[in-house]
Amino acid sequence: MPQHHAIDYVELGVTDLEQAKRFYGEAFGWRFNDYGPQYAGIQGAGGEVGGLRLDDKAPTGGGPLVLLFSDDLDASVEAVRRAGGTVAVEPYSFPGGRRFHFADPSGNELGVWAAS
């Protein structure tokens, strides 16, 4: 059940919906629910957690940073590269773990962190 004022759903604007689905599917194993040629819902363990929305312009930086969790950060770095993403910030340590940032094929920057 949704919680009052909790982050409930995250949408990413992408310039090529099929390319974005391939990237996120290959890099992270994401599954999608297609709602037509301009939108795909991101399926999570508890249902739909977000979506990929077709936009006619590339995203610009400076917005909120979405962070994903990984059990194996180094494997996630390699999966992003193999799937066609760009590592924007190489893995680094921070109090509580390690993380890196990447750009998807549309230019969205996200981060991935691991506890160790």
PDB file of N, CA and C in Angstrom:
ATOM      1  N   MET A   1       0.846  -1.183   0.000  1.00  0.00           N
ATOM      2  CA  MET A   1       0.000   0.000   0.000  1.00  0.00           C
ATOM      3  C   MET A   1       0.890   1.245   0.000  1.00  0.00           C
ATOM      4  N   PRO A   2       0.602   2.211  -0.836  1.00  0.00           N
ATOM      5  CA  PRO A   2       1.404   3.438  -0.859  1.00  0.00           C
ATOM      6  C   PRO A   2       1.384   4.146   0.489  1.00  0.00           C
ATOM      7  N   GLN A   3       2.510   4.794   0.819  1.00  0.00           N
ATOM      8  CA  GLN A   3       2.619   5.543   2.068  1.00  0.00           C
ATOM      9  C   GLN A   3       2.560   7.035   1.778  1.00  0.00           C
ATOM     10  N   HIS A   4       1.871   7.765   2.618  1.00  0.00           N
ATOM     11  CA  HIS A   4       1.707   9.207   2.484  1.00  0.00           C
ATOM     12  C   HIS A   4       3.066   9.893   2.373  1.00  0.00           C
ATOM     13  N   HIS A   5       3.272  10.643   1.326  1.00  0.00           N
ATOM     14  CA  HIS A   5       4.460  11.449   1.050  1.00  0.00           C
ATOM     15  C   HIS A   5       5.728  10.641   0.809  1.00  0.00           C
ATOM     16  N   ALA A   6       5.626   9.355   0.620  1.00  0.00           N
ATOM     17  CA  ALA A   6       6.795   8.528   0.308  1.00  0.00           C
ATOM     18  C   ALA A   6       7.046   8.564  -1.198  1.00  0.00           C
ATOM     19  N   ILE A   7       8.309   8.419  -1.603  1.00  0.00           N
ATOM     20  CA  ILE A   7       8.592   8.297  -3.035  1.00  0.00           C
ATOM     21  C   ILE A   7       7.962   6.995  -3.493  1.00  0.00           C
ATOM     22  N   ASP A   8       7.124   7.077  -4.501  1.00  0.00           N
ATOM     23  CA  ASP A   8       6.305   5.943  -4.896  1.00  0.00           C
ATOM     24  C   ASP A   8       6.617   5.440  -6.298  1.00  0.00           C
ATOM     25  N   TYR A   9       7.140   6.301  -7.163  1.00  0.00           N
ATOM     26  CA  TYR A   9       7.268   5.947  -8.569  1.00  0.00           C
ATOM     27  C   TYR A   9       8.284   6.898  -9.192  1.00  0.00           C
ATOM     28  N   VAL A  10       9.201   6.398 -10.003  1.00  0.00           N
ATOM     29  CA  VAL A  10      10.210   7.241 -10.653  1.00  0.00           C
ATOM     30  C   VAL A  10      10.114   7.037 -12.158  1.00  0.00           C
ATOM     31  N   GLU A  11       9.970   8.129 -12.904  1.00  0.00           N
ATOM     32  CA  GLU A  11       9.940   8.073 -14.365  1.00  0.00           C
ATOM     33  C   GLU A  11      11.239   8.634 -14.926  1.00  0.00           C
ATOM     34  N   LEU A  12      11.759   7.959 -15.942  1.00  0.00           N
ATOM     35  CA  LEU A  12      12.937   8.428 -16.650  1.00  0.00           C
ATOM     36  C   LEU A  12      12.537   8.789 -18.071  1.00  0.00           C
ATOM     37  N   GLY A  13      12.848   9.995 -18.489  1.00  0.00           N
ATOM     38  CA  GLY A  13      12.627  10.389 -19.879  1.00  0.00           C
ATOM     39  C   GLY A  13      13.740   9.815 -20.736  1.00  0.00           C
ATOM     40  N   VAL A  14      13.393   9.179 -21.825  1.00  0.00           N
ATOM     41  CA  VAL A  14      14.380   8.555 -22.715  1.00  0.00           C
ATOM     42  C   VAL A  14      14.100   8.984 -24.158  1.00  0.00           C
ATOM     43  N   THR A  15      15.155   9.010 -24.971  1.00  0.00           N
ATOM     44  CA  THR A  15      14.994   9.429 -26.360  1.00  0.00           C
ATOM     45  C   THR A  15      14.709   8.270 -27.300  1.00  0.00           C
ATOM     46  N   ASP A  16      14.946   7.046 -26.853  1.00  0.00           N
ATOM     47  CA  ASP A  16      14.662   5.848 -27.647  1.00  0.00           C
ATOM     48  C   ASP A  16      14.174   4.777 -26.682  1.00  0.00           C
ATOM     49  N   LEU A  17      12.876   4.541 -26.680  1.00  0.00           N
ATOM     50  CA  LEU A  17      12.271   3.639 -25.697  1.00  0.00           C
ATOM     51  C   LEU A  17      12.793   2.211 -25.827  1.00  0.00           C
ATOM     52  N   GLU A  18      12.880   1.686 -27.031  1.00  0.00           N
ATOM     53  CA  GLU A  18      13.351   0.307 -27.207  1.00  0.00           C
ATOM     54  C   GLU A  18      14.811   0.161 -26.779  1.00  0.00           C
ATOM     55  N   GLN A  19      15.641   1.136 -27.111  1.00  0.00           N
ATOM     56  CA  GLN A  19      17.049   1.102 -26.703  1.00  0.00           C
ATOM     57  C   GLN A  19      17.158   1.155 -25.179  1.00  0.00           C
ATOM     58  N   ALA A  20      16.356   1.995 -24.540  1.00  0.00           N
ATOM     59  CA  ALA A  20      16.379   2.105 -23.080  1.00  0.00           C
ATOM     60  C   ALA A  20      15.938   0.801 -22.424  1.00  0.00           C
ATOM     61  N   LYS A  21      14.899   0.182 -22.962  1.00  0.00           N
ATOM     62  CA  LYS A  21      14.456  -1.108 -22.406  1.00  0.00           C
ATOM     63  C   LYS A  21      15.549  -2.161 -22.548  1.00  0.00           C
ATOM     64  N   ARG A  22      16.215  -2.198 -23.709  1.00  0.00           N
ATOM     65  CA  ARG A  22      17.330  -3.147 -23.894  1.00  0.00           C
ATOM     66  C   ARG A  22      18.445  -2.883 -22.889  1.00  0.00           C
ATOM     67  N   PHE A  23      18.833  -1.614 -22.747  1.00  0.00           N
ATOM     68  CA  PHE A  23      19.915  -1.267 -21.826  1.00  0.00           C
ATOM     69  C   PHE A  23      19.581  -1.701 -20.400  1.00  0.00           C
ATOM     70  N   TYR A  24      18.456  -1.258 -19.866  1.00  0.00           N
ATOM     71  CA  TYR A  24      18.115  -1.568 -18.477  1.00  0.00           C
ATOM     72  C   TYR A  24      17.833  -3.060 -18.278  1.00  0.00           C
ATOM     73  N   GLY A  25      17.291  -3.700 -19.284  1.00  0.00           N
ATOM     74  CA  GLY A  25      17.084  -5.147 -19.196  1.00  0.00           C
ATOM     75  C   GLY A  25      18.400  -5.897 -19.142  1.00  0.00           C
ATOM     76  N   GLU A  26      19.353  -5.525 -20.009  1.00  0.00           N
ATOM     77  CA  GLU A  26      20.657  -6.196 -20.034  1.00  0.00           C
ATOM     78  C   GLU A  26      21.502  -5.852 -18.819  1.00  0.00           C
ATOM     79  N   ALA A  27      21.547  -4.589 -18.443  1.00  0.00           N
ATOM     80  CA  ALA A  27      22.419  -4.162 -17.349  1.00  0.00           C
ATOM     81  C   ALA A  27      21.905  -4.599 -15.978  1.00  0.00           C
ATOM     82  N   PHE A  28      20.587  -4.541 -15.765  1.00  0.00           N
ATOM     83  CA  PHE A  28      20.039  -4.764 -14.431  1.00  0.00           C
ATOM     84  C   PHE A  28      18.950  -5.829 -14.351  1.00  0.00           C
ATOM     85  N   GLY A  29      18.600  -6.421 -15.485  1.00  0.00           N
ATOM     86  CA  GLY A  29      17.565  -7.454 -15.465  1.00  0.00           C
ATOM     87  C   GLY A  29      16.158  -6.909 -15.290  1.00  0.00           C
ATOM     88  N   TRP A  30      15.949  -5.631 -15.567  1.00  0.00           N
ATOM     89  CA  TRP A  30      14.621  -5.047 -15.402  1.00  0.00           C
ATOM     90  C   TRP A  30      13.655  -5.638 -16.415  1.00  0.00           C
ATOM     91  N   ARG A  31      12.393  -5.738 -15.996  1.00  0.00           N
ATOM     92  CA  ARG A  31      11.305  -6.178 -16.860  1.00  0.00           C
ATOM     93  C   ARG A  31      10.325  -5.011 -17.013  1.00  0.00           C
ATOM     94  N   PHE A  32       9.573  -5.028 -18.106  1.00  0.00           N
ATOM     95  CA  PHE A  32       8.726  -3.885 -18.424  1.00  0.00           C
ATOM     96  C   PHE A  32       7.315  -4.314 -18.786  1.00  0.00           C
ATOM     97  N   ASN A  33       6.390  -3.422 -18.540  1.00  0.00           N
ATOM     98  CA  ASN A  33       5.013  -3.557 -18.977  1.00  0.00           C
ATOM     99  C   ASN A  33       4.795  -2.452 -20.008  1.00  0.00           C
ATOM    100  N   ASP A  34       4.617  -2.841 -21.263  1.00  0.00           N
ATOM    101  CA  ASP A  34       4.461  -1.861 -22.334  1.00  0.00           C
ATOM    102  C   ASP A  34       3.053  -1.279 -22.330  1.00  0.00           C
ATOM    103  N   TYR A  35       2.996   0.046 -22.405  1.00  0.00           N
ATOM    104  CA  TYR A  35       1.727   0.768 -22.471  1.00  0.00           C
ATOM    105  C   TYR A  35       1.571   1.475 -23.806  1.00  0.00           C
ATOM    106  N   GLY A  36       2.267   1.006 -24.812  1.00  0.00           N
ATOM    107  CA  GLY A  36       2.215   1.633 -26.121  1.00  0.00           C
ATOM    108  C   GLY A  36       3.593   2.093 -26.542  1.00  0.00           C
ATOM    109  N   PRO A  37       3.680   2.817 -27.647  1.00  0.00           N
ATOM    110  CA  PRO A  37       4.986   3.181 -28.202  1.00  0.00           C
ATOM    111  C   PRO A  37       5.717   4.288 -27.445  1.00  0.00           C
ATOM    112  N   GLN A  38       5.084   4.894 -26.436  1.00  0.00           N
ATOM    113  CA  GLN A  38       5.722   6.009 -25.747  1.00  0.00           C
ATOM    114  C   GLN A  38       5.959   5.785 -24.259  1.00  0.00           C
ATOM    115  N   TYR A  39       5.599   4.593 -23.734  1.00  0.00           N
ATOM    116  CA  TYR A  39       5.749   4.390 -22.288  1.00  0.00           C
ATOM    117  C   TYR A  39       5.880   2.916 -21.959  1.00  0.00           C
ATOM    118  N   ALA A  40       6.782   2.627 -21.017  1.00  0.00           N
ATOM    119  CA  ALA A  40       6.931   1.269 -20.493  1.00  0.00           C
ATOM    120  C   ALA A  40       7.091   1.357 -18.988  1.00  0.00           C
ATOM    121  N   GLY A  41       6.268   0.623 -18.255  1.00  0.00           N
ATOM    122  CA  GLY A  41       6.375   0.581 -16.804  1.00  0.00           C
ATOM    123  C   GLY A  41       7.511  -0.337 -16.377  1.00  0.00           C
ATOM    124  N   ILE A  42       8.222   0.049 -15.344  1.00  0.00           N
ATOM    125  CA  ILE A  42       9.318  -0.755 -14.784  1.00  0.00           C
ATOM    126  C   ILE A  42       8.729  -1.652 -13.700  1.00  0.00           C
ATOM    127  N   GLN A  43       8.892  -2.952 -13.883  1.00  0.00           N
ATOM    128  CA  GLN A  43       8.333  -3.914 -12.941  1.00  0.00           C
ATOM    129  C   GLN A  43       9.322  -4.209 -11.824  1.00  0.00           C
ATOM    130  N   GLY A  44       8.876  -4.117 -10.583  1.00  0.00           N
ATOM    131  CA  GLY A  44       9.688  -4.438  -9.415  1.00  0.00           C
ATOM    132  C   GLY A  44       9.073  -5.595  -8.662  1.00  0.00           C
ATOM    133  N   ALA A  45       9.705  -5.983  -7.582  1.00  0.00           N
ATOM    134  CA  ALA A  45       9.228  -7.121  -6.789  1.00  0.00           C
ATOM    135  C   ALA A  45       7.819  -6.896  -6.251  1.00  0.00           C
ATOM    136  N   GLY A  46       7.479  -5.652  -5.915  1.00  0.00           N
ATOM    137  CA  GLY A  46       6.166  -5.366  -5.353  1.00  0.00           C
ATOM    138  C   GLY A  46       5.195  -4.764  -6.343  1.00  0.00           C
ATOM    139  N   GLY A  47       5.490  -4.843  -7.631  1.00  0.00           N
ATOM    140  CA  GLY A  47       4.630  -4.240  -8.641  1.00  0.00           C
ATOM    141  C   GLY A  47       5.406  -3.213  -9.444  1.00  0.00           C
ATOM    142  N   GLU A  48       4.696  -2.307 -10.047  1.00  0.00           N
ATOM    143  CA  GLU A  48       5.341  -1.304 -10.893  1.00  0.00           C
ATOM    144  C   GLU A  48       5.966  -0.213 -10.018  1.00  0.00           C
ATOM    145  N   VAL A  49       7.254   0.070 -10.252  1.00  0.00           N
ATOM    146  CA  VAL A  49       7.993   1.022  -9.423  1.00  0.00           C
ATOM    147  C   VAL A  49       8.374   2.289 -10.169  1.00  0.00           C
ATOM    148  N   GLY A  50       8.181   2.306 -11.484  1.00  0.00           N
ATOM    149  CA  GLY A  50       8.550   3.467 -12.273  1.00  0.00           C
ATOM    150  C   GLY A  50       8.240   3.236 -13.731  1.00  0.00           C
ATOM    151  N   GLY A  51       8.775   4.141 -14.564  1.00  0.00           N
ATOM    152  CA  GLY A  51       8.512   3.998 -15.981  1.00  0.00           C
ATOM    153  C   GLY A  51       9.565   4.673 -16.829  1.00  0.00           C
ATOM    154  N   LEU A  52       9.605   4.245 -18.079  1.00  0.00           N
ATOM    155  CA  LEU A  52      10.421   4.884 -19.110  1.00  0.00           C
ATOM    156  C   LEU A  52       9.464   5.623 -20.025  1.00  0.00           C
ATOM    157  N   ARG A  53       9.660   6.929 -20.147  1.00  0.00           N
ATOM    158  CA  ARG A  53       8.764   7.785 -20.914  1.00  0.00           C
ATOM    159  C   ARG A  53       9.517   8.338 -22.121  1.00  0.00           C
ATOM    160  N   LEU A  54       8.988   8.140 -23.320  1.00  0.00           N
ATOM    161  CA  LEU A  54       9.619   8.645 -24.528  1.00  0.00           C
ATOM    162  C   LEU A  54       9.526  10.162 -24.560  1.00  0.00           C
ATOM    163  N   ASP A  55      10.691  10.821 -24.671  1.00  0.00           N
ATOM    164  CA  ASP A  55      10.773  12.274 -24.779  1.00  0.00           C
ATOM    165  C   ASP A  55      11.454  12.617 -26.087  1.00  0.00           C
ATOM    166  N   ASP A  56      11.156  13.780 -26.624  1.00  0.00           N
ATOM    167  CA  ASP A  56      11.785  14.173 -27.879  1.00  0.00           C
ATOM    168  C   ASP A  56      13.096  14.925 -27.675  1.00  0.00           C
ATOM    169  N   LYS A  57      13.482  15.159 -26.424  1.00  0.00           N
ATOM    170  CA  LYS A  57      14.759  15.829 -26.175  1.00  0.00           C
ATOM    171  C   LYS A  57      15.556  15.038 -25.137  1.00  0.00           C
ATOM    172  N   ALA A  58      16.867  15.153 -25.226  1.00  0.00           N
ATOM    173  CA  ALA A  58      17.745  14.458 -24.287  1.00  0.00           C
ATOM    174  C   ALA A  58      17.608  15.077 -22.899  1.00  0.00           C
ATOM    175  N   PRO A  59      17.744  14.277 -21.853  1.00  0.00           N
ATOM    176  CA  PRO A  59      17.653  14.821 -20.501  1.00  0.00           C
ATOM    177  C   PRO A  59      18.824  15.770 -20.217  1.00  0.00           C
ATOM    178  N   THR A  60      18.588  16.702 -19.319  1.00  0.00           N
ATOM    179  CA  THR A  60      19.655  17.598 -18.890  1.00  0.00           C
ATOM    180  C   THR A  60      20.032  17.239 -17.457  1.00  0.00           C
ATOM    181  N   GLY A  61      21.261  17.478 -17.091  1.00  0.00           N
ATOM    182  CA  GLY A  61      21.741  17.132 -15.758  1.00  0.00           C
ATOM    183  C   GLY A  61      21.213  18.077 -14.701  1.00  0.00           C
ATOM    184  N   GLY A  62      21.570  17.769 -13.474  1.00  0.00           N
ATOM    185  CA  GLY A  62      21.235  18.650 -12.372  1.00  0.00           C
ATOM    186  C   GLY A  62      19.964  18.303 -11.625  1.00  0.00           C
ATOM    187  N   GLY A  63      19.235  17.296 -12.068  1.00  0.00           N
ATOM    188  CA  GLY A  63      18.012  16.907 -11.371  1.00  0.00           C
ATOM    189  C   GLY A  63      18.309  15.919 -10.257  1.00  0.00           C
ATOM    190  N   PRO A  64      17.293  15.316  -9.692  1.00  0.00           N
ATOM    191  CA  PRO A  64      17.488  14.316  -8.643  1.00  0.00           C
ATOM    192  C   PRO A  64      18.327  13.145  -9.159  1.00  0.00           C
ATOM    193  N   LEU A  65      19.121  12.567  -8.276  1.00  0.00           N
ATOM    194  CA  LEU A  65      19.939  11.415  -8.625  1.00  0.00           C
ATOM    195  C   LEU A  65      19.284  10.161  -8.069  1.00  0.00           C
ATOM    196  N   VAL A  66      18.893   9.257  -8.953  1.00  0.00           N
ATOM    197  CA  VAL A  66      18.306   7.981  -8.552  1.00  0.00           C
ATOM    198  C   VAL A  66      19.451   7.006  -8.281  1.00  0.00           C
ATOM    199  N   LEU A  67      19.408   6.340  -7.135  1.00  0.00           N
ATOM    200  CA  LEU A  67      20.429   5.363  -6.773  1.00  0.00           C
ATOM    201  C   LEU A  67      19.818   3.969  -6.737  1.00  0.00           C
ATOM    202  N   LEU A  68      20.512   3.030  -7.374  1.00  0.00           N
ATOM    203  CA  LEU A  68      20.139   1.626  -7.343  1.00  0.00           C
ATOM    204  C   LEU A  68      21.056   0.918  -6.366  1.00  0.00           C
ATOM    205  N   PHE A  69      20.615  -0.186  -5.795  1.00  0.00           N
ATOM    206  CA  PHE A  69      21.455  -0.979  -4.894  1.00  0.00           C
ATOM    207  C   PHE A  69      22.004  -2.182  -5.648  1.00  0.00           C
ATOM    208  N   SER A  70      23.216  -2.580  -5.319  1.00  0.00           N
ATOM    209  CA  SER A  70      23.848  -3.747  -5.940  1.00  0.00           C
ATOM    210  C   SER A  70      24.481  -4.624  -4.875  1.00  0.00           C
ATOM    211  N   ASP A  71      24.369  -5.937  -5.052  1.00  0.00           N
ATOM    212  CA  ASP A  71      25.087  -6.884  -4.195  1.00  0.00           C
ATOM    213  C   ASP A  71      26.543  -7.002  -4.625  1.00  0.00           C
ATOM    214  N   ASP A  72      26.869  -6.611  -5.871  1.00  0.00           N
ATOM    215  CA  ASP A  72      28.224  -6.732  -6.414  1.00  0.00           C
ATOM    216  C   ASP A  72      28.490  -5.527  -7.314  1.00  0.00           C
ATOM    217  N   LEU A  73      29.075  -4.489  -6.735  1.00  0.00           N
ATOM    218  CA  LEU A  73      29.260  -3.232  -7.461  1.00  0.00           C
ATOM    219  C   LEU A  73      30.128  -3.399  -8.696  1.00  0.00           C
ATOM    220  N   ASP A  74      31.221  -4.152  -8.593  1.00  0.00           N
ATOM    221  CA  ASP A  74      32.112  -4.318  -9.741  1.00  0.00           C
ATOM    222  C   ASP A  74      31.409  -5.026 -10.897  1.00  0.00           C
ATOM    223  N   ALA A  75      30.578  -6.009 -10.594  1.00  0.00           N
ATOM    224  CA  ALA A  75      29.808  -6.687 -11.641  1.00  0.00           C
ATOM    225  C   ALA A  75      28.804  -5.719 -12.267  1.00  0.00           C
ATOM    226  N   SER A  76      28.231  -4.834 -11.473  1.00  0.00           N
ATOM    227  CA  SER A  76      27.282  -3.852 -12.003  1.00  0.00           C
ATOM    228  C   SER A  76      27.975  -2.865 -12.936  1.00  0.00           C
ATOM    229  N   VAL A  77      29.195  -2.451 -12.585  1.00  0.00           N
ATOM    230  CA  VAL A  77      29.963  -1.557 -13.464  1.00  0.00           C
ATOM    231  C   VAL A  77      30.151  -2.215 -14.819  1.00  0.00           C
ATOM    232  N   GLU A  78      30.573  -3.468 -14.825  1.00  0.00           N
ATOM    233  CA  GLU A  78      30.803  -4.178 -16.084  1.00  0.00           C
ATOM    234  C   GLU A  78      29.507  -4.398 -16.856  1.00  0.00           C
ATOM    235  N   ALA A  79      28.411  -4.680 -16.156  1.00  0.00           N
ATOM    236  CA  ALA A  79      27.121  -4.875 -16.824  1.00  0.00           C
ATOM    237  C   ALA A  79      26.666  -3.590 -17.516  1.00  0.00           C
ATOM    238  N   VAL A  80      26.873  -2.449 -16.872  1.00  0.00           N
ATOM    239  CA  VAL A  80      26.515  -1.158 -17.479  1.00  0.00           C
ATOM    240  C   VAL A  80      27.319  -0.949 -18.753  1.00  0.00           C
ATOM    241  N   ARG A  81      28.603  -1.210 -18.688  1.00  0.00           N
ATOM    242  CA  ARG A  81      29.455  -1.013 -19.875  1.00  0.00           C
ATOM    243  C   ARG A  81      29.051  -1.970 -21.000  1.00  0.00           C
ATOM    244  N   ARG A  82      28.837  -3.241 -20.677  1.00  0.00           N
ATOM    245  CA  ARG A  82      28.454  -4.227 -21.702  1.00  0.00           C
ATOM    246  C   ARG A  82      27.135  -3.872 -22.363  1.00  0.00           C
ATOM    247  N   ALA A  83      26.217  -3.291 -21.593  1.00  0.00           N
ATOM    248  CA  ALA A  83      24.888  -2.961 -22.117  1.00  0.00           C
ATOM    249  C   ALA A  83      24.876  -1.654 -22.910  1.00  0.00           C
ATOM    250  N   GLY A  84      25.992  -0.911 -22.917  1.00  0.00           N
ATOM    251  CA  GLY A  84      26.051   0.309 -23.710  1.00  0.00           C
ATOM    252  C   GLY A  84      25.967   1.597 -22.926  1.00  0.00           C
ATOM    253  N   GLY A  85      26.017   1.503 -21.598  1.00  0.00           N
ATOM    254  CA  GLY A  85      26.033   2.708 -20.774  1.00  0.00           C
ATOM    255  C   GLY A  85      27.446   3.242 -20.635  1.00  0.00           C
ATOM    256  N   THR A  86      27.552   4.436 -20.079  1.00  0.00           N
ATOM    257  CA  THR A  86      28.841   5.083 -19.853  1.00  0.00           C
ATOM    258  C   THR A  86      29.032   5.307 -18.363  1.00  0.00           C
ATOM    259  N   VAL A  87      30.152   4.850 -17.833  1.00  0.00           N
ATOM    260  CA  VAL A  87      30.449   5.112 -16.427  1.00  0.00           C
ATOM    261  C   VAL A  87      30.920   6.561 -16.323  1.00  0.00           C
ATOM    262  N   ALA A  88      30.142   7.378 -15.624  1.00  0.00           N
ATOM    263  CA  ALA A  88      30.430   8.806 -15.499  1.00  0.00           C
ATOM    264  C   ALA A  88      31.353   9.092 -14.318  1.00  0.00           C
ATOM    265  N   VAL A  89      31.200   8.329 -13.242  1.00  0.00           N
ATOM    266  CA  VAL A  89      32.048   8.449 -12.058  1.00  0.00           C
ATOM    267  C   VAL A  89      32.435   7.032 -11.665  1.00  0.00           C
ATOM    268  N   GLU A  90      33.724   6.753 -11.724  1.00  0.00           N
ATOM    269  CA  GLU A  90      34.230   5.423 -11.378  1.00  0.00           C
ATOM    270  C   GLU A  90      33.905   5.097  -9.916  1.00  0.00           C
ATOM    271  N   PRO A  91      33.883   3.815  -9.552  1.00  0.00           N
ATOM    272  CA  PRO A  91      33.568   3.442  -8.166  1.00  0.00           C
ATOM    273  C   PRO A  91      34.465   4.162  -7.153  1.00  0.00           C
ATOM    274  N   TYR A  92      33.825   4.601  -6.090  1.00  0.00           N
ATOM    275  CA  TYR A  92      34.537   5.278  -5.002  1.00  0.00           C
ATOM    276  C   TYR A  92      33.911   4.868  -3.678  1.00  0.00           C
ATOM    277  N   SER A  93      34.696   5.013  -2.618  1.00  0.00           N
ATOM    278  CA  SER A  93      34.218   4.678  -1.276  1.00  0.00           C
ATOM    279  C   SER A  93      33.557   5.889  -0.640  1.00  0.00           C
ATOM    280  N   PHE A  94      32.558   5.619   0.180  1.00  0.00           N
ATOM    281  CA  PHE A  94      31.913   6.637   0.992  1.00  0.00           C
ATOM    282  C   PHE A  94      31.555   5.968   2.310  1.00  0.00           C
ATOM    283  N   PRO A  95      31.262   6.724   3.367  1.00  0.00           N
ATOM    284  CA  PRO A  95      30.898   6.082   4.630  1.00  0.00           C
ATOM    285  C   PRO A  95      29.683   5.164   4.427  1.00  0.00           C
ATOM    286  N   GLY A  96      29.866   3.892   4.614  1.00  0.00           N
ATOM    287  CA  GLY A  96      28.780   2.935   4.443  1.00  0.00           C
ATOM    288  C   GLY A  96      28.880   2.082   3.196  1.00  0.00           C
ATOM    289  N   GLY A  97      29.869   2.325   2.321  1.00  0.00           N
ATOM    290  CA  GLY A  97      29.977   1.472   1.142  1.00  0.00           C
ATOM    291  C   GLY A  97      30.755   2.089   0.003  1.00  0.00           C
ATOM    292  N   ARG A  98      30.366   1.685  -1.197  1.00  0.00           N
ATOM    293  CA  ARG A  98      30.978   2.181  -2.437  1.00  0.00           C
ATOM    294  C   ARG A  98      29.867   2.479  -3.426  1.00  0.00           C
ATOM    295  N   ARG A  99      30.159   3.355  -4.401  1.00  0.00           N
ATOM    296  CA  ARG A  99      29.177   3.617  -5.450  1.00  0.00           C
ATOM    297  C   ARG A  99      29.854   4.148  -6.697  1.00  0.00           C
ATOM    298  N   PHE A 100      29.085   4.139  -7.801  1.00  0.00           N
ATOM    299  CA  PHE A 100      29.515   4.738  -9.062  1.00  0.00           C
ATOM    300  C   PHE A 100      28.303   5.373  -9.711  1.00  0.00           C
ATOM    301  N   HIS A 101      28.562   6.238 -10.689  1.00  0.00           N
ATOM    302  CA  HIS A 101      27.488   6.868 -11.458  1.00  0.00           C
ATOM    303  C   HIS A 101      27.638   6.457 -12.911  1.00  0.00           C
ATOM    304  N   PHE A 102      26.525   6.353 -13.611  1.00  0.00           N
ATOM    305  CA  PHE A 102      26.553   6.014 -15.031  1.00  0.00           C
ATOM    306  C   PHE A 102      25.526   6.839 -15.775  1.00  0.00           C
ATOM    307  N   ALA A 103      25.715   6.915 -17.082  1.00  0.00           N
ATOM    308  CA  ALA A 103      24.728   7.536 -17.966  1.00  0.00           C
ATOM    309  C   ALA A 103      24.154   6.442 -18.857  1.00  0.00           C
ATOM    310  N   ASP A 104      22.822   6.415 -18.973  1.00  0.00           N
ATOM    311  CA  ASP A 104      22.185   5.461 -19.882  1.00  0.00           C
ATOM    312  C   ASP A 104      22.311   5.986 -21.318  1.00  0.00           C
ATOM    313  N   PRO A 105      21.892   5.223 -22.315  1.00  0.00           N
ATOM    314  CA  PRO A 105      22.044   5.679 -23.707  1.00  0.00           C
ATOM    315  C   PRO A 105      21.339   7.005 -24.027  1.00  0.00           C
ATOM    316  N   SER A 106      20.327   7.391 -23.247  1.00  0.00           N
ATOM    317  CA  SER A 106      19.649   8.680 -23.458  1.00  0.00           C
ATOM    318  C   SER A 106      20.345   9.832 -22.750  1.00  0.00           C
ATOM    319  N   GLY A 107      21.271   9.511 -21.836  1.00  0.00           N
ATOM    320  CA  GLY A 107      21.984  10.548 -21.089  1.00  0.00           C
ATOM    321  C   GLY A 107      21.525  10.742 -19.663  1.00  0.00           C
ATOM    322  N   ASN A 108      20.563   9.941 -19.181  1.00  0.00           N
ATOM    323  CA  ASN A 108      20.160  10.023 -17.779  1.00  0.00           C
ATOM    324  C   ASN A 108      21.298   9.540 -16.906  1.00  0.00           C
ATOM    325  N   GLU A 109      21.621  10.281 -15.846  1.00  0.00           N
ATOM    326  CA  GLU A 109      22.643   9.832 -14.901  1.00  0.00           C
ATOM    327  C   GLU A 109      21.972   9.226 -13.680  1.00  0.00           C
ATOM    328  N   LEU A 110      22.403   8.021 -13.346  1.00  0.00           N
ATOM    329  CA  LEU A 110      21.946   7.326 -12.153  1.00  0.00           C
ATOM    330  C   LEU A 110      23.174   6.846 -11.401  1.00  0.00           C
ATOM    331  N   GLY A 111      22.995   6.423 -10.182  1.00  0.00           N
ATOM    332  CA  GLY A 111      24.080   5.871  -9.392  1.00  0.00           C
ATOM    333  C   GLY A 111      23.728   4.470  -8.933  1.00  0.00           C
ATOM    334  N   VAL A 112      24.771   3.727  -8.598  1.00  0.00           N
ATOM    335  CA  VAL A 112      24.605   2.380  -8.036  1.00  0.00           C
ATOM    336  C   VAL A 112      25.507   2.316  -6.816  1.00  0.00           C
ATOM    337  N   TRP A 113      24.989   1.790  -5.693  1.00  0.00           N
ATOM    338  CA  TRP A 113      25.789   1.680  -4.498  1.00  0.00           C
ATOM    339  C   TRP A 113      25.738   0.256  -3.950  1.00  0.00           C
ATOM    340  N   ALA A 114      26.760  -0.063  -3.170  1.00  0.00           N
ATOM    341  CA  ALA A 114      26.837  -1.363  -2.495  1.00  0.00           C
ATOM    342  C   ALA A 114      27.346  -1.114  -1.081  1.00  0.00           C
ATOM    343  N   ALA A 115      26.965  -1.991  -0.179  1.00  0.00           N
ATOM    344  CA  ALA A 115      27.336  -1.832   1.226  1.00  0.00           C
ATOM    345  C   ALA A 115      28.826  -2.059   1.469  1.00  0.00           C
ATOM    346  N   SER A 116      29.493  -2.782   0.583  1.00  0.00           N
ATOM    347  CA  SER A 116      30.929  -3.011   0.829  1.00  0.00           C
ATOM    348  C   SER A 116      31.697  -2.912  -0.469  1.00  0.00           C
TER     349      SER A 116
END
